[in-house]
Amino acid sequence: VIQPLIGELIDGFADAGSADLMADFARRLPLPVMLRMM
């Protein structure tokens, strides 16, 4: 669950060279992890 989700999120912005790591990453990881656990 955790490693695949992290990989998917980083794939979405890595090549751009910039990102808002709160909006594009931090806020988009924990809830999907919990939802997949449920």
Full PDB file with SEQRES, HELIX, SHEET, SSBOND, CRYST1, ORIGX, SCALE, CONECT and MASTER records, all heavy atoms in Angstrom:
SEQRES   1 A   38  VAL ILE GLN PRO LEU ILE GLY GLU LEU ILE ASP GLY PHE          
SEQRES   2 A   38  ALA ASP ALA GLY SER ALA ASP LEU MET ALA ASP PHE ALA          
SEQRES   3 A   38  ARG ARG LEU PRO LEU PRO VAL MET LEU ARG MET MET              
HELIX    1 AA1 ILE A    2  ASP A   11  1                                  10    
HELIX    2 AA2 ALA A   14  ALA A   16  5                                   3    
HELIX    3 AA3 ALA A   26  ARG A   28  5                                   3    
HELIX    4 AA4 PRO A   30  MET A   37  1                                   8    
CRYST1    1.000    1.000    1.000  90.00  90.00  90.00 P 1           1          
ORIGX1      1.000000  0.000000  0.000000        0.00000                         
ORIGX2      0.000000  1.000000  0.000000        0.00000                         
ORIGX3      0.000000  0.000000  1.000000        0.00000                         
SCALE1      1.000000  0.000000  0.000000        0.00000                         
SCALE2      0.000000  1.000000  0.000000        0.00000                         
SCALE3      0.000000  0.000000  1.000000        0.00000                         
ATOM      1  N   VAL A   1       0.825  -1.211   0.000  1.00  0.00           N  
ATOM      2  CA  VAL A   1       0.000   0.000   0.000  1.00  0.00           C  
ATOM      3  C   VAL A   1       0.859   1.260   0.000  1.00  0.00           C  
ATOM      4  O   VAL A   1       0.751   2.106  -0.890  1.00  0.00           O  
ATOM      5  CB  VAL A   1      -0.959   0.008   1.215  1.00  0.00           C  
ATOM      6  CG1 VAL A   1      -1.747   1.319   1.260  1.00  0.00           C  
ATOM      7  CG2 VAL A   1      -1.923  -1.172   1.147  1.00  0.00           C  
ATOM      8  N   ILE A   2       1.730   1.412   0.997  1.00  0.00           N  
ATOM      9  CA  ILE A   2       2.438   2.676   1.192  1.00  0.00           C  
ATOM     10  C   ILE A   2       3.446   2.938   0.079  1.00  0.00           C  
ATOM     11  O   ILE A   2       3.442   4.018  -0.538  1.00  0.00           O  
ATOM     12  CB  ILE A   2       3.138   2.695   2.566  1.00  0.00           C  
ATOM     13  CG1 ILE A   2       2.100   2.577   3.687  1.00  0.00           C  
ATOM     14  CG2 ILE A   2       3.947   3.976   2.735  1.00  0.00           C  
ATOM     15  CD1 ILE A   2       2.697   2.416   5.076  1.00  0.00           C  
ATOM     16  N   GLN A   3       4.314   1.983  -0.192  1.00  0.00           N  
ATOM     17  CA  GLN A   3       5.346   2.197  -1.211  1.00  0.00           C  
ATOM     18  C   GLN A   3       4.758   2.466  -2.596  1.00  0.00           C  
ATOM     19  O   GLN A   3       5.202   3.398  -3.281  1.00  0.00           O  
ATOM     20  CB  GLN A   3       6.309   1.009  -1.235  1.00  0.00           C  
ATOM     21  CG  GLN A   3       7.185   0.913   0.009  1.00  0.00           C  
ATOM     22  CD  GLN A   3       8.010  -0.369   0.047  1.00  0.00           C  
ATOM     23  OE1 GLN A   3       7.884  -1.250  -0.813  1.00  0.00           O  
ATOM     24  NE2 GLN A   3       8.850  -0.483   1.061  1.00  0.00           N  
ATOM     25  N   PRO A   4       3.761   1.690  -3.047  1.00  0.00           N  
ATOM     26  CA  PRO A   4       3.183   1.999  -4.366  1.00  0.00           C  
ATOM     27  C   PRO A   4       2.540   3.381  -4.438  1.00  0.00           C  
ATOM     28  O   PRO A   4       2.692   4.082  -5.449  1.00  0.00           O  
ATOM     29  CB  PRO A   4       2.135   0.894  -4.558  1.00  0.00           C  
ATOM     30  CG  PRO A   4       2.600  -0.235  -3.710  1.00  0.00           C  
ATOM     31  CD  PRO A   4       3.230   0.417  -2.513  1.00  0.00           C  
ATOM     32  N   LEU A   5       1.830   3.778  -3.382  1.00  0.00           N  
ATOM     33  CA  LEU A   5       1.205   5.096  -3.399  1.00  0.00           C  
ATOM     34  C   LEU A   5       2.240   6.212  -3.450  1.00  0.00           C  
ATOM     35  O   LEU A   5       2.078   7.188  -4.186  1.00  0.00           O  
ATOM     36  CB  LEU A   5       0.327   5.263  -2.161  1.00  0.00           C  
ATOM     37  CG  LEU A   5      -1.076   4.646  -2.235  1.00  0.00           C  
ATOM     38  CD1 LEU A   5      -1.739   4.669  -0.860  1.00  0.00           C  
ATOM     39  CD2 LEU A   5      -1.942   5.388  -3.244  1.00  0.00           C  
ATOM     40  N   ILE A   6       3.308   6.080  -2.667  1.00  0.00           N  
ATOM     41  CA  ILE A   6       4.378   7.089  -2.697  1.00  0.00           C  
ATOM     42  C   ILE A   6       4.979   7.179  -4.089  1.00  0.00           C  
ATOM     43  O   ILE A   6       5.197   8.277  -4.621  1.00  0.00           O  
ATOM     44  CB  ILE A   6       5.457   6.757  -1.650  1.00  0.00           C  
ATOM     45  CG1 ILE A   6       4.912   6.970  -0.234  1.00  0.00           C  
ATOM     46  CG2 ILE A   6       6.706   7.620  -1.868  1.00  0.00           C  
ATOM     47  CD1 ILE A   6       5.852   6.497   0.860  1.00  0.00           C  
ATOM     48  N   GLY A   7       5.240   6.026  -4.697  1.00  0.00           N  
ATOM     49  CA  GLY A   7       5.802   6.020  -6.046  1.00  0.00           C  
ATOM     50  C   GLY A   7       4.900   6.704  -7.051  1.00  0.00           C  
ATOM     51  O   GLY A   7       5.369   7.481  -7.900  1.00  0.00           O  
ATOM     52  N   GLU A   8       3.608   6.445  -6.974  1.00  0.00           N  
ATOM     53  CA  GLU A   8       2.656   7.063  -7.894  1.00  0.00           C  
ATOM     54  C   GLU A   8       2.643   8.577  -7.737  1.00  0.00           C  
ATOM     55  O   GLU A   8       2.607   9.319  -8.736  1.00  0.00           O  
ATOM     56  CB  GLU A   8       1.257   6.509  -7.639  1.00  0.00           C  
ATOM     57  CG  GLU A   8       1.075   5.039  -8.010  1.00  0.00           C  
ATOM     58  CD  GLU A   8      -0.244   4.486  -7.489  1.00  0.00           C  
ATOM     59  OE1 GLU A   8      -1.127   5.297  -7.118  1.00  0.00           O  
ATOM     60  OE2 GLU A   8      -0.399   3.253  -7.445  1.00  0.00           O  
ATOM     61  N   LEU A   9       2.665   9.044  -6.501  1.00  0.00           N  
ATOM     62  CA  LEU A   9       2.627  10.484  -6.271  1.00  0.00           C  
ATOM     63  C   LEU A   9       3.903  11.168  -6.771  1.00  0.00           C  
ATOM     64  O   LEU A   9       3.840  12.226  -7.411  1.00  0.00           O  
ATOM     65  CB  LEU A   9       2.428  10.768  -4.783  1.00  0.00           C  
ATOM     66  CG  LEU A   9       1.037  10.446  -4.223  1.00  0.00           C  
ATOM     67  CD1 LEU A   9       1.040  10.552  -2.699  1.00  0.00           C  
ATOM     68  CD2 LEU A   9      -0.018  11.366  -4.816  1.00  0.00           C  
ATOM     69  N   ILE A  10       5.070  10.592  -6.489  1.00  0.00           N  
ATOM     70  CA  ILE A  10       6.322  11.201  -6.939  1.00  0.00           C  
ATOM     71  C   ILE A  10       6.399  11.176  -8.468  1.00  0.00           C  
ATOM     72  O   ILE A  10       6.887  12.137  -9.084  1.00  0.00           O  
ATOM     73  CB  ILE A  10       7.531  10.483  -6.311  1.00  0.00           C  
ATOM     74  CG1 ILE A  10       7.530  10.683  -4.789  1.00  0.00           C  
ATOM     75  CG2 ILE A  10       8.841  11.028  -6.896  1.00  0.00           C  
ATOM     76  CD1 ILE A  10       8.640   9.955  -4.060  1.00  0.00           C  
ATOM     77  N   ASP A  11       5.916  10.111  -9.084  1.00  0.00           N  
ATOM     78  CA  ASP A  11       5.886  10.046 -10.553  1.00  0.00           C  
ATOM     79  C   ASP A  11       5.143  11.236 -11.148  1.00  0.00           C  
ATOM     80  O   ASP A  11       5.470  11.697 -12.250  1.00  0.00           O  
ATOM     81  CB  ASP A  11       5.196   8.757 -11.021  1.00  0.00           C  
ATOM     82  CG  ASP A  11       6.052   7.521 -10.813  1.00  0.00           C  
ATOM     83  OD1 ASP A  11       7.266   7.666 -10.589  1.00  0.00           O  
ATOM     84  OD2 ASP A  11       5.490   6.408 -10.856  1.00  0.00           O  
ATOM     85  N   GLY A  12       4.151  11.729 -10.422  1.00  0.00           N  
ATOM     86  CA  GLY A  12       3.319  12.800 -10.947  1.00  0.00           C  
ATOM     87  C   GLY A  12       4.002  14.153 -11.015  1.00  0.00           C  
ATOM     88  O   GLY A  12       3.533  15.024 -11.763  1.00  0.00           O  
ATOM     89  N   PHE A  13       5.104  14.357 -10.268  1.00  0.00           N  
ATOM     90  CA  PHE A  13       5.736  15.680 -10.297  1.00  0.00           C  
ATOM     91  C   PHE A  13       7.254  15.648 -10.437  1.00  0.00           C  
ATOM     92  O   PHE A  13       7.870  16.700 -10.613  1.00  0.00           O  
ATOM     93  CB  PHE A  13       5.366  16.486  -9.045  1.00  0.00           C  
ATOM     94  CG  PHE A  13       5.732  15.840  -7.725  1.00  0.00           C  
ATOM     95  CD1 PHE A  13       7.050  15.789  -7.295  1.00  0.00           C  
ATOM     96  CD2 PHE A  13       4.751  15.307  -6.906  1.00  0.00           C  
ATOM     97  CE1 PHE A  13       7.389  15.210  -6.081  1.00  0.00           C  
ATOM     98  CE2 PHE A  13       5.072  14.731  -5.684  1.00  0.00           C  
ATOM     99  CZ  PHE A  13       6.391  14.682  -5.274  1.00  0.00           C  
ATOM    100  N   ALA A  14       7.886  14.489 -10.388  1.00  0.00           N  
ATOM    101  CA  ALA A  14       9.352  14.422 -10.338  1.00  0.00           C  
ATOM    102  C   ALA A  14      10.011  15.127 -11.516  1.00  0.00           C  
ATOM    103  O   ALA A  14      10.970  15.896 -11.340  1.00  0.00           O  
ATOM    104  CB  ALA A  14       9.804  12.972 -10.269  1.00  0.00           C  
ATOM    105  N   ASP A  15       9.511  14.896 -12.715  1.00  0.00           N  
ATOM    106  CA  ASP A  15      10.165  15.458 -13.899  1.00  0.00           C  
ATOM    107  C   ASP A  15       9.942  16.954 -14.058  1.00  0.00           C  
ATOM    108  O   ASP A  15      10.640  17.606 -14.832  1.00  0.00           O  
ATOM    109  CB  ASP A  15       9.675  14.736 -15.154  1.00  0.00           C  
ATOM    110  CG  ASP A  15      10.161  13.289 -15.215  1.00  0.00           C  
ATOM    111  OD1 ASP A  15      11.179  12.981 -14.564  1.00  0.00           O  
ATOM    112  OD2 ASP A  15       9.510  12.476 -15.898  1.00  0.00           O  
ATOM    113  N   ALA A  16       8.982  17.510 -13.336  1.00  0.00           N  
ATOM    114  CA  ALA A  16       8.684  18.933 -13.461  1.00  0.00           C  
ATOM    115  C   ALA A  16       9.743  19.801 -12.801  1.00  0.00           C  
ATOM    116  O   ALA A  16       9.898  20.975 -13.145  1.00  0.00           O  
ATOM    117  CB  ALA A  16       7.311  19.239 -12.861  1.00  0.00           C  
ATOM    118  N   GLY A  17      10.462  19.253 -11.842  1.00  0.00           N  
ATOM    119  CA  GLY A  17      11.499  20.020 -11.155  1.00  0.00           C  
ATOM    120  C   GLY A  17      10.979  20.929 -10.060  1.00  0.00           C  
ATOM    121  O   GLY A  17      11.770  21.596  -9.388  1.00  0.00           O  
ATOM    122  N   SER A  18       9.669  20.974  -9.879  1.00  0.00           N  
ATOM    123  CA  SER A  18       9.081  21.779  -8.813  1.00  0.00           C  
ATOM    124  C   SER A  18       7.730  21.200  -8.446  1.00  0.00           C  
ATOM    125  O   SER A  18       7.077  20.536  -9.258  1.00  0.00           O  
ATOM    126  CB  SER A  18       8.927  23.245  -9.251  1.00  0.00           C  
ATOM    127  OG  SER A  18       7.988  23.341 -10.307  1.00  0.00           O  
ATOM    128  N   ALA A  19       7.316  21.456  -7.216  1.00  0.00           N  
ATOM    129  CA  ALA A  19       6.010  20.985  -6.745  1.00  0.00           C  
ATOM    130  C   ALA A  19       5.713  21.644  -5.411  1.00  0.00           C  
ATOM    131  O   ALA A  19       6.620  22.079  -4.695  1.00  0.00           O  
ATOM    132  CB  ALA A  19       5.998  19.464  -6.598  1.00  0.00           C  
ATOM    133  N   ASP A  20       4.445  21.732  -5.094  1.00  0.00           N  
ATOM    134  CA  ASP A  20       4.036  22.084  -3.741  1.00  0.00           C  
ATOM    135  C   ASP A  20       3.914  20.766  -2.986  1.00  0.00           C  
ATOM    136  O   ASP A  20       2.946  20.019  -3.192  1.00  0.00           O  
ATOM    137  CB  ASP A  20       2.700  22.822  -3.751  1.00  0.00           C  
ATOM    138  CG  ASP A  20       2.219  23.209  -2.354  1.00  0.00           C  
ATOM    139  OD1 ASP A  20       2.759  22.660  -1.360  1.00  0.00           O  
ATOM    140  OD2 ASP A  20       1.302  24.032  -2.245  1.00  0.00           O  
ATOM    141  N   LEU A  21       4.882  20.466  -2.148  1.00  0.00           N  
ATOM    142  CA  LEU A  21       4.924  19.152  -1.508  1.00  0.00           C  
ATOM    143  C   LEU A  21       3.846  18.958  -0.450  1.00  0.00           C  
ATOM    144  O   LEU A  21       3.658  17.831   0.014  1.00  0.00           O  
ATOM    145  CB  LEU A  21       6.310  18.909  -0.910  1.00  0.00           C  
ATOM    146  CG  LEU A  21       7.438  18.753  -1.936  1.00  0.00           C  
ATOM    147  CD1 LEU A  21       8.767  18.448  -1.232  1.00  0.00           C  
ATOM    148  CD2 LEU A  21       7.122  17.676  -2.955  1.00  0.00           C  
ATOM    149  N   MET A  22       3.132  20.015  -0.065  1.00  0.00           N  
ATOM    150  CA  MET A  22       1.946  19.819   0.774  1.00  0.00           C  
ATOM    151  C   MET A  22       0.765  19.418  -0.094  1.00  0.00           C  
ATOM    152  O   MET A  22       0.140  18.377   0.127  1.00  0.00           O  
ATOM    153  CB  MET A  22       1.617  21.081   1.571  1.00  0.00           C  
ATOM    154  CG  MET A  22       2.470  21.285   2.808  1.00  0.00           C  
ATOM    155  SD  MET A  22       2.454  19.918   4.021  1.00  0.00           S  
ATOM    156  CE  MET A  22       0.731  19.809   4.481  1.00  0.00           C  
ATOM    157  N   ALA A  23       0.438  20.240  -1.089  1.00  0.00           N  
ATOM    158  CA  ALA A  23      -0.747  19.987  -1.913  1.00  0.00           C  
ATOM    159  C   ALA A  23      -0.585  18.755  -2.788  1.00  0.00           C  
ATOM    160  O   ALA A  23      -1.536  17.975  -2.956  1.00  0.00           O  
ATOM    161  CB  ALA A  23      -1.042  21.213  -2.779  1.00  0.00           C  
ATOM    162  N   ASP A  24       0.610  18.555  -3.350  1.00  0.00           N  
ATOM    163  CA  ASP A  24       0.821  17.479  -4.321  1.00  0.00           C  
ATOM    164  C   ASP A  24       1.262  16.168  -3.698  1.00  0.00           C  
ATOM    165  O   ASP A  24       1.253  15.133  -4.370  1.00  0.00           O  
ATOM    166  CB  ASP A  24       1.877  17.908  -5.356  1.00  0.00           C  
ATOM    167  CG  ASP A  24       1.476  19.159  -6.117  1.00  0.00           C  
ATOM    168  OD1 ASP A  24       0.256  19.371  -6.285  1.00  0.00           O  
ATOM    169  OD2 ASP A  24       2.369  19.926  -6.525  1.00  0.00           O  
ATOM    170  N   PHE A  25       1.625  16.203  -2.416  1.00  0.00           N  
ATOM    171  CA  PHE A  25       2.197  14.994  -1.826  1.00  0.00           C  
ATOM    172  C   PHE A  25       1.687  14.720  -0.418  1.00  0.00           C  
ATOM    173  O   PHE A  25       0.969  13.751  -0.173  1.00  0.00           O  
ATOM    174  CB  PHE A  25       3.724  15.100  -1.830  1.00  0.00           C  
ATOM    175  CG  PHE A  25       4.425  13.827  -1.468  1.00  0.00           C  
ATOM    176  CD1 PHE A  25       4.366  12.733  -2.309  1.00  0.00           C  
ATOM    177  CD2 PHE A  25       5.149  13.728  -0.297  1.00  0.00           C  
ATOM    178  CE1 PHE A  25       5.019  11.545  -1.982  1.00  0.00           C  
ATOM    179  CE2 PHE A  25       5.805  12.560   0.040  1.00  0.00           C  
ATOM    180  CZ  PHE A  25       5.738  11.461  -0.808  1.00  0.00           C  
ATOM    181  N   ALA A  26       2.029  15.589   0.546  1.00  0.00           N  
ATOM    182  CA  ALA A  26       1.733  15.302   1.957  1.00  0.00           C  
ATOM    183  C   ALA A  26       0.245  15.111   2.208  1.00  0.00           C  
ATOM    184  O   ALA A  26      -0.155  14.218   2.964  1.00  0.00           O  
ATOM    185  CB  ALA A  26       2.280  16.422   2.842  1.00  0.00           C  
ATOM    186  N   ARG A  27      -0.585  15.946   1.574  1.00  0.00           N  
ATOM    187  CA  ARG A  27      -2.032  15.834   1.807  1.00  0.00           C  
ATOM    188  C   ARG A  27      -2.666  14.706   0.999  1.00  0.00           C  
ATOM    189  O   ARG A  27      -3.838  14.386   1.215  1.00  0.00           O  
ATOM    190  CB  ARG A  27      -2.719  17.164   1.466  1.00  0.00           C  
ATOM    191  CG  ARG A  27      -2.386  18.286   2.431  1.00  0.00           C  
ATOM    192  CD  ARG A  27      -3.386  19.440   2.300  1.00  0.00           C  
ATOM    193  NE  ARG A  27      -3.017  20.547   3.178  1.00  0.00           N  
ATOM    194  CZ  ARG A  27      -2.381  21.641   2.779  1.00  0.00           C  
ATOM    195  NH1 ARG A  27      -2.042  21.774   1.508  1.00  0.00           N  
ATOM    196  NH2 ARG A  27      -2.081  22.598   3.637  1.00  0.00           N  
ATOM    197  N   ARG A  28      -1.909  14.110   0.100  1.00  0.00           N  
ATOM    198  CA  ARG A  28      -2.499  13.103  -0.786  1.00  0.00           C  
ATOM    199  C   ARG A  28      -2.027  11.683  -0.498  1.00  0.00           C  
ATOM    200  O   ARG A  28      -2.370  10.763  -1.242  1.00  0.00           O  
ATOM    201  CB  ARG A  28      -2.197  13.456  -2.248  1.00  0.00           C  
ATOM    202  CG  ARG A  28      -2.866  14.745  -2.665  1.00  0.00           C  
ATOM    203  CD  ARG A  28      -2.825  15.001  -4.151  1.00  0.00           C  
ATOM    204  NE  ARG A  28      -3.686  16.133  -4.469  1.00  0.00           N  
ATOM    205  CZ  ARG A  28      -4.992  16.069  -4.670  1.00  0.00           C  
ATOM    206  NH1 ARG A  28      -5.601  14.898  -4.574  1.00  0.00           N  
ATOM    207  NH2 ARG A  28      -5.697  17.142  -4.942  1.00  0.00           N  
ATOM    208  N   LEU A  29      -1.289  11.508   0.579  1.00  0.00           N  
ATOM    209  CA  LEU A  29      -0.824  10.158   0.901  1.00  0.00           C  
ATOM    210  C   LEU A  29      -1.572   9.497   2.064  1.00  0.00           C  
ATOM    211  O   LEU A  29      -2.071   8.378   1.898  1.00  0.00           O  
ATOM    212  CB  LEU A  29       0.681  10.186   1.203  1.00  0.00           C  
ATOM    213  CG  LEU A  29       1.280   8.834   1.618  1.00  0.00           C  
ATOM    214  CD1 LEU A  29       1.170   7.819   0.484  1.00  0.00           C  
ATOM    215  CD2 LEU A  29       2.719   8.990   2.067  1.00  0.00           C  
ATOM    216  N   PRO A  30      -1.686  10.108   3.243  1.00  0.00           N  
ATOM    217  CA  PRO A  30      -2.215   9.361   4.391  1.00  0.00           C  
ATOM    218  C   PRO A  30      -3.638   8.859   4.221  1.00  0.00           C  
ATOM    219  O   PRO A  30      -3.948   7.722   4.585  1.00  0.00           O  
ATOM    220  CB  PRO A  30      -2.124  10.366   5.548  1.00  0.00           C  
ATOM    221  CG  PRO A  30      -1.102  11.352   5.120  1.00  0.00           C  
ATOM    222  CD  PRO A  30      -1.245  11.463   3.643  1.00  0.00           C  
ATOM    223  N   LEU A  31      -4.529   9.688   3.676  1.00  0.00           N  
ATOM    224  CA  LEU A  31      -5.914   9.251   3.557  1.00  0.00           C  
ATOM    225  C   LEU A  31      -6.071   8.072   2.595  1.00  0.00           C  
ATOM    226  O   LEU A  31      -6.748   7.087   2.934  1.00  0.00           O  
ATOM    227  CB  LEU A  31      -6.811  10.416   3.138  1.00  0.00           C  
ATOM    228  CG  LEU A  31      -8.290  10.078   3.042  1.00  0.00           C  
ATOM    229  CD1 LEU A  31      -8.825   9.511   4.347  1.00  0.00           C  
ATOM    230  CD2 LEU A  31      -9.096  11.302   2.619  1.00  0.00           C  
ATOM    231  N   PRO A  32      -5.468   8.092   1.404  1.00  0.00           N  
ATOM    232  CA  PRO A  32      -5.558   6.895   0.558  1.00  0.00           C  
ATOM    233  C   PRO A  32      -4.992   5.643   1.225  1.00  0.00           C  
ATOM    234  O   PRO A  32      -5.510   4.538   1.005  1.00  0.00           O  
ATOM    235  CB  PRO A  32      -4.737   7.276  -0.683  1.00  0.00           C  
ATOM    236  CG  PRO A  32      -4.819   8.751  -0.746  1.00  0.00           C  
ATOM    237  CD  PRO A  32      -4.843   9.216   0.679  1.00  0.00           C  
ATOM    238  N   VAL A  33      -3.927   5.792   2.037  1.00  0.00           N  
ATOM    239  CA  VAL A  33      -3.409   4.638   2.763  1.00  0.00           C  
ATOM    240  C   VAL A  33      -4.486   4.071   3.674  1.00  0.00           C  
ATOM    241  O   VAL A  33      -4.753   2.859   3.697  1.00  0.00           O  
ATOM    242  CB  VAL A  33      -2.151   5.022   3.579  1.00  0.00           C  
ATOM    243  CG1 VAL A  33      -1.774   3.904   4.557  1.00  0.00           C  
ATOM    244  CG2 VAL A  33      -0.976   5.315   2.655  1.00  0.00           C  
ATOM    245  N   MET A  34      -5.130   4.945   4.461  1.00  0.00           N  
ATOM    246  CA  MET A  34      -6.177   4.489   5.370  1.00  0.00           C  
ATOM    247  C   MET A  34      -7.345   3.861   4.614  1.00  0.00           C  
ATOM    248  O   MET A  34      -7.885   2.825   5.008  1.00  0.00           O  
ATOM    249  CB  MET A  34      -6.679   5.661   6.229  1.00  0.00           C  
ATOM    250  CG  MET A  34      -5.653   6.250   7.159  1.00  0.00           C  
ATOM    251  SD  MET A  34      -5.148   5.081   8.451  1.00  0.00           S  
ATOM    252  CE  MET A  34      -3.898   6.051   9.294  1.00  0.00           C  
ATOM    253  N   LEU A  35      -7.752   4.484   3.516  1.00  0.00           N  
ATOM    254  CA  LEU A  35      -8.878   3.959   2.754  1.00  0.00           C  
ATOM    255  C   LEU A  35      -8.567   2.587   2.170  1.00  0.00           C  
ATOM    256  O   LEU A  35      -9.426   1.697   2.153  1.00  0.00           O  
ATOM    257  CB  LEU A  35      -9.255   4.937   1.644  1.00  0.00           C  
ATOM    258  CG  LEU A  35      -9.850   6.270   2.106  1.00  0.00           C  
ATOM    259  CD1 LEU A  35     -10.038   7.211   0.927  1.00  0.00           C  
ATOM    260  CD2 LEU A  35     -11.170   6.062   2.825  1.00  0.00           C  
ATOM    261  N   ARG A  36      -7.344   2.388   1.710  1.00  0.00           N  
ATOM    262  CA  ARG A  36      -6.970   1.072   1.186  1.00  0.00           C  
ATOM    263  C   ARG A  36      -6.913   0.032   2.293  1.00  0.00           C  
ATOM    264  O   ARG A  36      -7.240  -1.134   2.071  1.00  0.00           O  
ATOM    265  CB  ARG A  36      -5.634   1.150   0.443  1.00  0.00           C  
ATOM    266  CG  ARG A  36      -5.728   1.924  -0.863  1.00  0.00           C  
ATOM    267  CD  ARG A  36      -4.497   1.754  -1.738  1.00  0.00           C  
ATOM    268  NE  ARG A  36      -4.580   2.615  -2.914  1.00  0.00           N  
ATOM    269  CZ  ARG A  36      -3.705   2.606  -3.917  1.00  0.00           C  
ATOM    270  NH1 ARG A  36      -2.654   1.785  -3.874  1.00  0.00           N  
ATOM    271  NH2 ARG A  36      -3.846   3.423  -4.944  1.00  0.00           N  
ATOM    272  N   MET A  37      -6.506   0.445   3.487  1.00  0.00           N  
ATOM    273  CA  MET A  37      -6.524  -0.484   4.624  1.00  0.00           C  
ATOM    274  C   MET A  37      -7.950  -0.904   4.959  1.00  0.00           C  
ATOM    275  O   MET A  37      -8.204  -2.026   5.399  1.00  0.00           O  
ATOM    276  CB  MET A  37      -5.866   0.171   5.832  1.00  0.00           C  
ATOM    277  CG  MET A  37      -4.348   0.271   5.715  1.00  0.00           C  
ATOM    278  SD  MET A  37      -3.613   1.558   6.761  1.00  0.00           S  
ATOM    279  CE  MET A  37      -4.347   1.242   8.337  1.00  0.00           C  
ATOM    280  N   MET A  38      -8.903   0.013   4.752  1.00  0.00           N  
ATOM    281  CA  MET A  38     -10.307  -0.298   4.998  1.00  0.00           C  
ATOM    282  C   MET A  38     -10.991  -0.878   3.761  1.00  0.00           C  
ATOM    283  O   MET A  38     -12.166  -1.220   3.807  1.00  0.00           O  
ATOM    284  CB  MET A  38     -11.041   0.965   5.445  1.00  0.00           C  
ATOM    285  CG  MET A  38     -10.619   1.473   6.815  1.00  0.00           C  
ATOM    286  SD  MET A  38     -11.595   2.895   7.390  1.00  0.00           S  
ATOM    287  CE  MET A  38     -10.880   4.225   6.423  1.00  0.00           C  
TER     288      MET A  38                                                      
MASTER        0    0    0    4    0    0    0    6  287    1    0    3          
END                                                                             
